[in-house]
N, C-alpha and C. Protein backbone atom coordinates (compact mmCIF):
# COMPACT_ATOMS: atom_id res chain seq x y z
N ILE A 1 134.95 81.63 108.86
CA ILE A 1 134.13 82.77 109.25
C ILE A 1 134.74 84.05 108.69
N LYS A 2 136.08 84.18 108.79
CA LYS A 2 136.74 85.39 108.29
C LYS A 2 136.47 85.60 106.81
N GLU A 3 136.39 84.51 106.06
CA GLU A 3 136.15 84.59 104.62
C GLU A 3 134.80 85.22 104.30
N ASN A 4 133.81 85.02 105.17
CA ASN A 4 132.46 85.54 104.95
C ASN A 4 132.14 86.77 105.80
N LEU A 5 133.11 87.28 106.52
CA LEU A 5 132.89 88.39 107.43
C LEU A 5 132.66 89.69 106.69
N MET A 6 131.68 90.45 107.15
CA MET A 6 131.43 91.78 106.62
C MET A 6 131.68 92.77 107.75
N THR A 7 132.56 93.72 107.52
CA THR A 7 132.85 94.72 108.55
C THR A 7 131.70 95.72 108.65
N PHE A 8 131.72 96.51 109.70
CA PHE A 8 130.69 97.53 109.85
C PHE A 8 130.79 98.56 108.73
N HIS A 9 132.01 98.89 108.33
CA HIS A 9 132.22 99.79 107.19
C HIS A 9 131.59 99.18 105.93
N ASP A 10 131.79 97.87 105.72
CA ASP A 10 131.19 97.19 104.57
C ASP A 10 129.66 97.30 104.64
N GLU A 11 129.12 97.16 105.84
CA GLU A 11 127.67 97.23 106.00
C GLU A 11 127.14 98.62 105.66
N ILE A 12 127.84 99.64 106.06
CA ILE A 12 127.43 101.02 105.72
C ILE A 12 127.44 101.20 104.20
N GLN A 13 128.48 100.70 103.54
CA GLN A 13 128.58 100.81 102.08
C GLN A 13 127.45 100.02 101.40
N LEU A 14 127.16 98.84 101.91
CA LEU A 14 126.08 98.02 101.35
C LEU A 14 124.73 98.72 101.52
N LYS A 15 124.51 99.31 102.69
CA LYS A 15 123.27 100.04 102.95
C LYS A 15 123.11 101.18 101.95
N LYS A 16 124.16 101.94 101.71
CA LYS A 16 124.10 103.05 100.75
C LYS A 16 123.76 102.53 99.35
N TYR A 17 124.41 101.45 98.96
CA TYR A 17 124.17 100.88 97.63
C TYR A 17 122.72 100.40 97.49
N VAL A 18 122.24 99.67 98.49
CA VAL A 18 120.87 99.14 98.46
C VAL A 18 119.87 100.29 98.37
N GLU A 19 120.07 101.32 99.16
CA GLU A 19 119.14 102.45 99.16
C GLU A 19 119.20 103.24 97.85
N LEU A 20 120.38 103.30 97.21
CA LEU A 20 120.49 103.92 95.89
C LEU A 20 119.62 103.19 94.87
N LYS A 21 119.44 101.89 95.09
CA LYS A 21 118.62 101.07 94.21
C LYS A 21 117.13 101.16 94.56
N GLY A 22 116.80 101.96 95.59
CA GLY A 22 115.40 102.13 95.96
C GLY A 22 114.85 101.00 96.82
N ILE A 23 115.72 100.29 97.48
CA ILE A 23 115.33 99.15 98.32
C ILE A 23 115.57 99.50 99.78
N ILE A 24 114.68 99.06 100.64
CA ILE A 24 114.86 99.27 102.09
C ILE A 24 115.90 98.30 102.61
N TYR A 25 116.90 98.82 103.28
CA TYR A 25 117.97 97.98 103.82
C TYR A 25 117.58 97.48 105.21
N LEU A 26 117.67 96.18 105.40
CA LEU A 26 117.45 95.56 106.71
C LEU A 26 118.70 94.79 107.11
N SER A 27 118.89 94.65 108.40
CA SER A 27 120.01 93.86 108.90
C SER A 27 119.58 93.19 110.19
N THR A 28 120.22 92.08 110.51
CA THR A 28 119.89 91.30 111.69
C THR A 28 120.97 91.45 112.74
N PRO A 29 120.67 92.15 113.83
CA PRO A 29 121.66 92.25 114.91
C PRO A 29 121.63 91.01 115.80
N PHE A 30 122.80 90.57 116.22
CA PHE A 30 122.90 89.42 117.12
C PHE A 30 123.41 89.83 118.50
N SER A 31 123.48 91.14 118.72
CA SER A 31 123.92 91.65 120.02
C SER A 31 123.35 93.04 120.23
N LEU A 32 123.37 93.49 121.48
CA LEU A 32 122.92 94.85 121.79
C LEU A 32 123.78 95.88 121.06
N GLU A 33 125.09 95.63 121.04
CA GLU A 33 126.02 96.55 120.37
C GLU A 33 125.69 96.69 118.89
N ALA A 34 125.41 95.57 118.24
CA ALA A 34 125.07 95.61 116.82
C ALA A 34 123.76 96.35 116.59
N ALA A 35 122.78 96.16 117.46
CA ALA A 35 121.50 96.87 117.33
C ALA A 35 121.70 98.37 117.44
N ILE A 36 122.52 98.80 118.38
CA ILE A 36 122.80 100.23 118.55
C ILE A 36 123.48 100.79 117.31
N ARG A 37 124.47 100.06 116.77
CA ARG A 37 125.17 100.53 115.56
C ARG A 37 124.22 100.64 114.37
N LEU A 38 123.37 99.63 114.22
CA LEU A 38 122.43 99.65 113.09
C LEU A 38 121.45 100.82 113.22
N ASN A 39 121.01 101.08 114.44
CA ASN A 39 120.11 102.22 114.63
C ASN A 39 120.82 103.53 114.29
N LYS A 40 122.08 103.64 114.65
CA LYS A 40 122.84 104.86 114.36
C LYS A 40 123.00 105.12 112.87
N ILE A 41 123.05 104.07 112.07
CA ILE A 41 123.19 104.29 110.62
C ILE A 41 121.83 104.45 109.95
N GLY A 42 120.76 104.41 110.73
CA GLY A 42 119.45 104.77 110.22
C GLY A 42 118.67 103.68 109.50
N ILE A 43 118.84 102.42 109.91
CA ILE A 43 118.00 101.41 109.26
C ILE A 43 116.54 101.68 109.61
N LYS A 44 115.65 101.29 108.72
CA LYS A 44 114.22 101.60 108.87
C LYS A 44 113.47 100.57 109.71
N ALA A 45 114.01 99.34 109.81
CA ALA A 45 113.37 98.26 110.55
C ALA A 45 114.44 97.26 110.95
N PHE A 46 114.11 96.43 111.90
CA PHE A 46 115.03 95.40 112.37
C PHE A 46 114.49 94.02 112.05
N LYS A 47 115.35 93.13 111.62
CA LYS A 47 115.03 91.72 111.43
C LYS A 47 115.69 90.96 112.58
N ILE A 48 114.91 90.21 113.32
CA ILE A 48 115.43 89.40 114.41
C ILE A 48 115.49 87.96 113.93
N GLY A 49 116.68 87.37 113.95
CA GLY A 49 116.86 85.99 113.53
C GLY A 49 116.24 85.02 114.52
N SER A 50 115.96 83.83 114.07
CA SER A 50 115.31 82.82 114.90
C SER A 50 116.07 82.55 116.20
N GLY A 51 117.37 82.55 116.14
CA GLY A 51 118.17 82.28 117.33
C GLY A 51 118.03 83.35 118.39
N GLU A 52 117.57 84.53 118.00
CA GLU A 52 117.39 85.64 118.94
C GLU A 52 115.91 85.90 119.24
N CYS A 53 115.03 85.04 118.75
CA CYS A 53 113.59 85.24 118.92
C CYS A 53 113.21 85.48 120.37
N ASN A 54 113.86 84.78 121.28
CA ASN A 54 113.55 84.92 122.70
C ASN A 54 114.63 85.66 123.48
N ASN A 55 115.43 86.45 122.79
CA ASN A 55 116.42 87.29 123.46
C ASN A 55 115.70 88.56 123.91
N ILE A 56 115.03 88.46 125.03
CA ILE A 56 114.17 89.54 125.52
C ILE A 56 114.95 90.84 125.74
N PRO A 57 116.16 90.81 126.32
CA PRO A 57 116.91 92.08 126.46
C PRO A 57 117.18 92.75 125.10
N LEU A 58 117.48 91.95 124.09
CA LEU A 58 117.71 92.52 122.75
C LEU A 58 116.41 93.11 122.20
N LEU A 59 115.31 92.39 122.33
CA LEU A 59 114.02 92.90 121.86
C LEU A 59 113.65 94.20 122.57
N GLU A 60 113.83 94.22 123.89
CA GLU A 60 113.48 95.42 124.65
C GLU A 60 114.32 96.62 124.24
N LYS A 61 115.60 96.40 123.92
CA LYS A 61 116.46 97.49 123.46
C LYS A 61 116.00 98.00 122.09
N ILE A 62 115.73 97.08 121.20
CA ILE A 62 115.33 97.46 119.84
C ILE A 62 113.98 98.16 119.85
N ILE A 63 113.07 97.75 120.70
CA ILE A 63 111.76 98.39 120.81
C ILE A 63 111.90 99.88 121.12
N LYS A 64 112.91 100.23 121.90
CA LYS A 64 113.12 101.64 122.27
C LYS A 64 113.43 102.51 121.05
N PHE A 65 113.88 101.91 119.95
CA PHE A 65 114.16 102.68 118.73
C PHE A 65 112.88 103.01 117.97
N LYS A 66 111.76 102.40 118.36
CA LYS A 66 110.44 102.66 117.76
C LYS A 66 110.43 102.42 116.25
N LYS A 67 111.05 101.33 115.84
CA LYS A 67 111.06 100.94 114.43
C LYS A 67 110.41 99.57 114.31
N PRO A 68 109.83 99.27 113.15
CA PRO A 68 109.21 97.96 112.96
C PRO A 68 110.21 96.82 113.16
N ILE A 69 109.68 95.68 113.58
CA ILE A 69 110.49 94.50 113.85
C ILE A 69 109.91 93.31 113.10
N ILE A 70 110.78 92.59 112.41
CA ILE A 70 110.41 91.34 111.75
C ILE A 70 111.07 90.22 112.55
N LEU A 71 110.26 89.32 113.09
CA LEU A 71 110.72 88.29 114.01
C LEU A 71 110.64 86.91 113.36
N SER A 72 111.79 86.27 113.14
CA SER A 72 111.80 84.89 112.64
C SER A 72 111.60 83.94 113.81
N THR A 73 110.95 82.81 113.53
CA THR A 73 110.52 81.93 114.62
C THR A 73 111.07 80.51 114.56
N GLY A 74 112.03 80.25 113.68
CA GLY A 74 112.57 78.89 113.59
C GLY A 74 113.05 78.42 114.96
N MET A 75 112.89 77.14 115.24
CA MET A 75 113.31 76.51 116.50
C MET A 75 112.46 76.96 117.69
N ASN A 76 111.34 77.64 117.46
CA ASN A 76 110.47 78.10 118.54
C ASN A 76 109.09 77.50 118.38
N ASP A 77 108.40 77.34 119.50
CA ASP A 77 107.02 76.88 119.47
C ASP A 77 106.10 78.07 119.80
N LEU A 78 104.80 77.82 119.77
CA LEU A 78 103.84 78.90 120.02
C LEU A 78 104.04 79.54 121.39
N PHE A 79 104.37 78.75 122.39
CA PHE A 79 104.57 79.27 123.74
C PHE A 79 105.72 80.28 123.76
N SER A 80 106.86 79.93 123.18
CA SER A 80 108.00 80.84 123.21
C SER A 80 107.79 82.05 122.29
N ILE A 81 107.09 81.85 121.17
CA ILE A 81 106.77 82.97 120.29
C ILE A 81 105.87 83.96 121.03
N ARG A 82 104.89 83.42 121.77
CA ARG A 82 103.94 84.27 122.50
C ARG A 82 104.67 85.18 123.49
N LYS A 83 105.71 84.67 124.15
CA LYS A 83 106.47 85.50 125.10
C LYS A 83 107.08 86.71 124.38
N SER A 84 107.65 86.48 123.23
CA SER A 84 108.26 87.57 122.47
C SER A 84 107.21 88.54 121.94
N VAL A 85 106.09 88.02 121.48
CA VAL A 85 105.02 88.88 120.97
C VAL A 85 104.49 89.78 122.08
N ARG A 86 104.37 89.26 123.28
CA ARG A 86 103.92 90.10 124.40
C ARG A 86 104.86 91.29 124.60
N VAL A 87 106.16 91.05 124.50
CA VAL A 87 107.15 92.13 124.64
C VAL A 87 106.97 93.15 123.51
N LEU A 88 106.79 92.67 122.29
CA LEU A 88 106.61 93.57 121.15
C LEU A 88 105.34 94.40 121.29
N GLU A 89 104.26 93.76 121.71
CA GLU A 89 103.00 94.50 121.86
C GLU A 89 103.04 95.47 123.03
N LYS A 90 103.71 95.10 124.09
CA LYS A 90 103.88 96.03 125.22
C LYS A 90 104.66 97.27 124.77
N GLY A 91 105.65 97.07 123.88
CA GLY A 91 106.46 98.18 123.38
C GLY A 91 105.78 99.00 122.31
N LYS A 92 104.61 98.55 121.86
CA LYS A 92 103.80 99.29 120.87
C LYS A 92 104.56 99.59 119.58
N VAL A 93 105.25 98.57 119.06
CA VAL A 93 105.91 98.71 117.77
C VAL A 93 105.19 97.83 116.75
N SER A 94 105.26 98.24 115.50
CA SER A 94 104.74 97.39 114.42
C SER A 94 105.65 96.18 114.31
N TYR A 95 105.03 95.02 114.06
CA TYR A 95 105.86 93.82 113.96
C TYR A 95 105.26 92.80 113.01
N ALA A 96 106.13 91.95 112.54
CA ALA A 96 105.74 90.82 111.70
C ALA A 96 106.39 89.57 112.28
N ILE A 97 105.74 88.45 112.07
CA ILE A 97 106.25 87.15 112.51
C ILE A 97 106.46 86.31 111.26
N LEU A 98 107.65 85.73 111.13
CA LEU A 98 107.94 84.86 110.00
C LEU A 98 108.01 83.41 110.44
N HIS A 99 107.16 82.57 109.84
CA HIS A 99 107.30 81.13 110.02
C HIS A 99 108.64 80.74 109.40
N CYS A 100 109.36 79.87 110.05
CA CYS A 100 110.71 79.56 109.58
C CYS A 100 111.11 78.17 110.05
N LYS A 101 111.77 77.45 109.19
CA LYS A 101 112.46 76.22 109.56
C LYS A 101 113.94 76.53 109.46
N SER A 102 114.68 76.25 110.49
CA SER A 102 116.08 76.68 110.56
C SER A 102 117.07 75.69 109.95
N GLU A 103 116.59 74.67 109.30
CA GLU A 103 117.45 73.69 108.63
C GLU A 103 117.89 74.27 107.28
N TYR A 104 119.18 74.15 106.94
CA TYR A 104 119.71 74.67 105.68
C TYR A 104 120.23 73.52 104.83
N PRO A 105 119.66 73.18 103.73
CA PRO A 105 118.36 73.63 103.25
C PRO A 105 117.24 72.83 103.94
N THR A 106 116.08 73.42 103.99
CA THR A 106 114.93 72.75 104.56
C THR A 106 114.36 71.76 103.56
N ASN A 107 114.12 70.54 104.02
CA ASN A 107 113.49 69.52 103.20
C ASN A 107 112.04 69.96 102.94
N ASN A 108 111.60 69.91 101.70
CA ASN A 108 110.25 70.35 101.35
C ASN A 108 109.17 69.62 102.14
N LYS A 109 109.42 68.40 102.56
CA LYS A 109 108.43 67.65 103.34
C LYS A 109 108.31 68.20 104.76
N GLU A 110 109.26 69.03 105.19
CA GLU A 110 109.28 69.57 106.55
C GLU A 110 108.85 71.04 106.63
N LEU A 111 108.37 71.62 105.56
CA LEU A 111 108.07 73.06 105.51
C LEU A 111 106.94 73.48 106.45
N ASN A 112 105.93 72.64 106.60
CA ASN A 112 104.79 72.93 107.48
C ASN A 112 104.20 74.31 107.20
N LEU A 113 103.89 74.59 105.95
CA LEU A 113 103.36 75.91 105.58
C LEU A 113 101.99 76.20 106.18
N ASP A 114 101.28 75.17 106.63
CA ASP A 114 100.01 75.41 107.31
C ASP A 114 100.20 76.19 108.61
N PHE A 115 101.43 76.19 109.13
CA PHE A 115 101.71 76.93 110.37
C PHE A 115 101.52 78.45 110.16
N ILE A 116 101.59 78.90 108.92
CA ILE A 116 101.35 80.32 108.62
C ILE A 116 99.96 80.71 109.09
N ASN A 117 98.96 79.89 108.78
CA ASN A 117 97.60 80.19 109.22
C ASN A 117 97.45 80.08 110.73
N LYS A 118 98.16 79.16 111.35
CA LYS A 118 98.13 79.05 112.82
C LYS A 118 98.67 80.34 113.44
N LEU A 119 99.77 80.87 112.90
CA LEU A 119 100.32 82.14 113.41
C LEU A 119 99.33 83.28 113.21
N LYS A 120 98.66 83.30 112.08
CA LYS A 120 97.68 84.36 111.82
C LYS A 120 96.53 84.28 112.83
N GLN A 121 96.12 83.07 113.18
CA GLN A 121 95.03 82.89 114.15
C GLN A 121 95.48 83.28 115.55
N LYS A 122 96.65 82.84 115.96
CA LYS A 122 97.12 83.06 117.32
C LYS A 122 97.59 84.49 117.57
N PHE A 123 98.06 85.16 116.52
CA PHE A 123 98.61 86.52 116.66
C PHE A 123 97.95 87.45 115.65
N PRO A 124 96.68 87.79 115.88
CA PRO A 124 95.93 88.57 114.89
C PRO A 124 96.45 89.99 114.66
N ASN A 125 97.27 90.51 115.56
CA ASN A 125 97.83 91.86 115.39
C ASN A 125 99.11 91.85 114.54
N ALA A 126 99.60 90.67 114.21
CA ALA A 126 100.86 90.55 113.48
C ALA A 126 100.65 90.43 111.99
N VAL A 127 101.59 90.98 111.25
CA VAL A 127 101.73 90.64 109.84
C VAL A 127 102.49 89.32 109.85
N VAL A 128 102.03 88.35 109.08
CA VAL A 128 102.66 87.03 109.10
C VAL A 128 103.29 86.74 107.75
N GLY A 129 104.50 86.17 107.80
CA GLY A 129 105.22 85.85 106.58
C GLY A 129 105.97 84.55 106.71
N TYR A 130 106.92 84.36 105.79
CA TYR A 130 107.66 83.11 105.72
C TYR A 130 109.13 83.39 105.41
N SER A 131 110.01 82.79 106.19
CA SER A 131 111.44 82.84 105.95
C SER A 131 111.84 81.52 105.33
N ASP A 132 112.20 81.55 104.06
CA ASP A 132 112.40 80.34 103.26
C ASP A 132 113.86 79.93 103.18
N HIS A 133 114.17 78.75 103.71
CA HIS A 133 115.52 78.21 103.64
C HIS A 133 115.56 76.94 102.79
N SER A 134 114.60 76.80 101.90
CA SER A 134 114.55 75.61 101.05
C SER A 134 115.28 75.87 99.74
N ASN A 135 115.44 74.82 98.94
CA ASN A 135 116.00 74.97 97.60
C ASN A 135 114.91 75.48 96.67
N GLY A 136 115.25 76.42 95.80
CA GLY A 136 114.29 76.92 94.84
C GLY A 136 113.33 77.93 95.44
N ILE A 137 112.36 78.36 94.63
CA ILE A 137 111.43 79.39 95.08
C ILE A 137 109.99 78.91 95.17
N ILE A 138 109.73 77.67 94.79
CA ILE A 138 108.35 77.16 94.85
C ILE A 138 107.80 77.22 96.28
N PRO A 139 108.56 76.88 97.33
CA PRO A 139 108.01 77.02 98.68
C PRO A 139 107.63 78.46 99.03
N SER A 140 108.38 79.44 98.56
CA SER A 140 108.02 80.84 98.80
C SER A 140 106.70 81.18 98.13
N ILE A 141 106.52 80.73 96.91
CA ILE A 141 105.27 80.96 96.18
C ILE A 141 104.12 80.25 96.90
N SER A 142 104.36 79.04 97.37
CA SER A 142 103.34 78.29 98.11
C SER A 142 102.98 79.01 99.40
N ALA A 143 103.97 79.59 100.08
CA ALA A 143 103.71 80.33 101.32
C ALA A 143 102.82 81.54 101.04
N MET A 144 103.04 82.20 99.91
CA MET A 144 102.17 83.33 99.55
C MET A 144 100.74 82.84 99.33
N ALA A 145 100.60 81.68 98.70
CA ALA A 145 99.27 81.11 98.49
C ALA A 145 98.61 80.76 99.82
N LYS A 146 99.41 80.45 100.83
CA LYS A 146 98.89 80.14 102.17
C LYS A 146 98.61 81.40 102.99
N GLY A 147 98.93 82.58 102.45
CA GLY A 147 98.60 83.82 103.13
C GLY A 147 99.78 84.60 103.68
N ALA A 148 101.00 84.19 103.37
CA ALA A 148 102.18 84.94 103.84
C ALA A 148 102.21 86.31 103.17
N SER A 149 102.39 87.35 103.97
CA SER A 149 102.45 88.72 103.46
C SER A 149 103.88 89.19 103.22
N ILE A 150 104.85 88.51 103.81
CA ILE A 150 106.27 88.82 103.66
C ILE A 150 106.99 87.53 103.31
N ILE A 151 107.90 87.60 102.37
CA ILE A 151 108.77 86.47 102.06
C ILE A 151 110.20 86.91 102.28
N GLU A 152 110.94 86.14 103.07
CA GLU A 152 112.37 86.35 103.22
C GLU A 152 113.06 85.17 102.56
N LYS A 153 113.96 85.47 101.65
CA LYS A 153 114.72 84.43 100.95
C LYS A 153 116.13 84.94 100.77
N HIS A 154 117.11 84.16 101.14
CA HIS A 154 118.50 84.57 100.97
C HIS A 154 118.80 84.75 99.49
N PHE A 155 119.73 85.66 99.19
CA PHE A 155 120.10 85.98 97.82
C PHE A 155 121.60 85.85 97.64
N THR A 156 122.00 85.36 96.48
CA THR A 156 123.40 85.34 96.10
C THR A 156 123.52 85.76 94.64
N ASP A 157 124.61 86.44 94.32
CA ASP A 157 124.82 86.83 92.93
C ASP A 157 125.22 85.63 92.07
N THR A 158 125.77 84.59 92.70
CA THR A 158 126.11 83.38 91.99
C THR A 158 126.06 82.19 92.94
N LYS A 159 125.55 81.10 92.45
CA LYS A 159 125.48 79.88 93.26
C LYS A 159 126.84 79.17 93.32
N GLU A 160 127.83 79.75 92.65
CA GLU A 160 129.18 79.19 92.66
C GLU A 160 129.96 79.60 93.91
N ARG A 161 129.42 80.52 94.70
CA ARG A 161 130.08 80.96 95.94
C ARG A 161 130.07 79.83 96.96
N SER A 162 130.94 79.96 97.95
CA SER A 162 130.88 79.03 99.08
C SER A 162 130.21 79.77 100.23
N GLY A 163 129.69 79.03 101.15
CA GLY A 163 129.04 79.62 102.31
C GLY A 163 127.90 78.74 102.77
N PRO A 164 127.54 78.88 104.03
CA PRO A 164 126.56 77.95 104.61
C PRO A 164 125.15 78.08 104.05
N ASP A 165 124.80 79.24 103.48
CA ASP A 165 123.43 79.40 103.01
C ASP A 165 123.30 79.51 101.49
N ILE A 166 124.38 79.33 100.77
CA ILE A 166 124.33 79.46 99.30
C ILE A 166 123.40 78.41 98.71
N VAL A 167 123.41 77.22 99.25
CA VAL A 167 122.59 76.13 98.73
C VAL A 167 121.09 76.47 98.75
N CYS A 168 120.67 77.30 99.68
CA CYS A 168 119.24 77.64 99.77
C CYS A 168 118.98 79.10 99.41
N SER A 169 119.94 79.73 98.77
CA SER A 169 119.78 81.12 98.33
C SER A 169 119.25 81.15 96.91
N MET A 170 118.55 82.23 96.57
CA MET A 170 118.11 82.40 95.19
C MET A 170 119.12 83.29 94.46
N ASP A 171 119.17 83.12 93.16
CA ASP A 171 120.03 83.98 92.35
C ASP A 171 119.14 84.98 91.60
N ALA A 172 119.74 85.77 90.74
CA ALA A 172 119.01 86.85 90.06
C ALA A 172 117.85 86.32 89.21
N LYS A 173 118.04 85.19 88.55
CA LYS A 173 116.96 84.61 87.72
C LYS A 173 115.76 84.25 88.59
N GLU A 174 116.01 83.65 89.73
CA GLU A 174 114.92 83.26 90.63
C GLU A 174 114.25 84.49 91.24
N LEU A 175 115.04 85.50 91.54
CA LEU A 175 114.47 86.73 92.12
C LEU A 175 113.50 87.38 91.13
N ILE A 176 113.90 87.45 89.88
CA ILE A 176 113.03 88.04 88.86
C ILE A 176 111.72 87.24 88.76
N PHE A 177 111.80 85.93 88.81
CA PHE A 177 110.62 85.09 88.75
C PHE A 177 109.75 85.27 89.99
N LEU A 178 110.38 85.42 91.14
CA LEU A 178 109.65 85.53 92.40
C LEU A 178 108.90 86.85 92.51
N LYS A 179 109.52 87.94 92.01
CA LYS A 179 108.85 89.23 92.18
C LYS A 179 107.73 89.39 91.20
């Protein structure tokens, strides 16, 4: 974990670099403290990871910042997603829901991209997208064909790195093809 740890100072530097490139910087808080710190450095929106999809205290805190929220839904069913969406709608914030499979890498036979349309039907006020943990970028392209408005895909500068998500991350060549 220490090998892959990014300090808060590192995060501030990364945010500055990303914004210099004209890109909106997003980060995923896993605690109330992290959400407060991210808000203080001025992020424009929050990404909630699948593991925190039903962390209602975290959602309620982030809603108070009045910034858009992108909610990943891996490991959740429609019932549990609905509970979180009710909180988001009560807080009157813009939000998106990302269909997600939390397996790294996700087997292409398990993608269930038709669930994108189910989310669009069940949550008509949401922007719906796809968080892709598969190998390659074809599933992301397929998700767009299914109606996903947002694609989240992990990125690495080189596939030679070690780390739990490198296997399902895209590199610069794939990013150019995807955009």
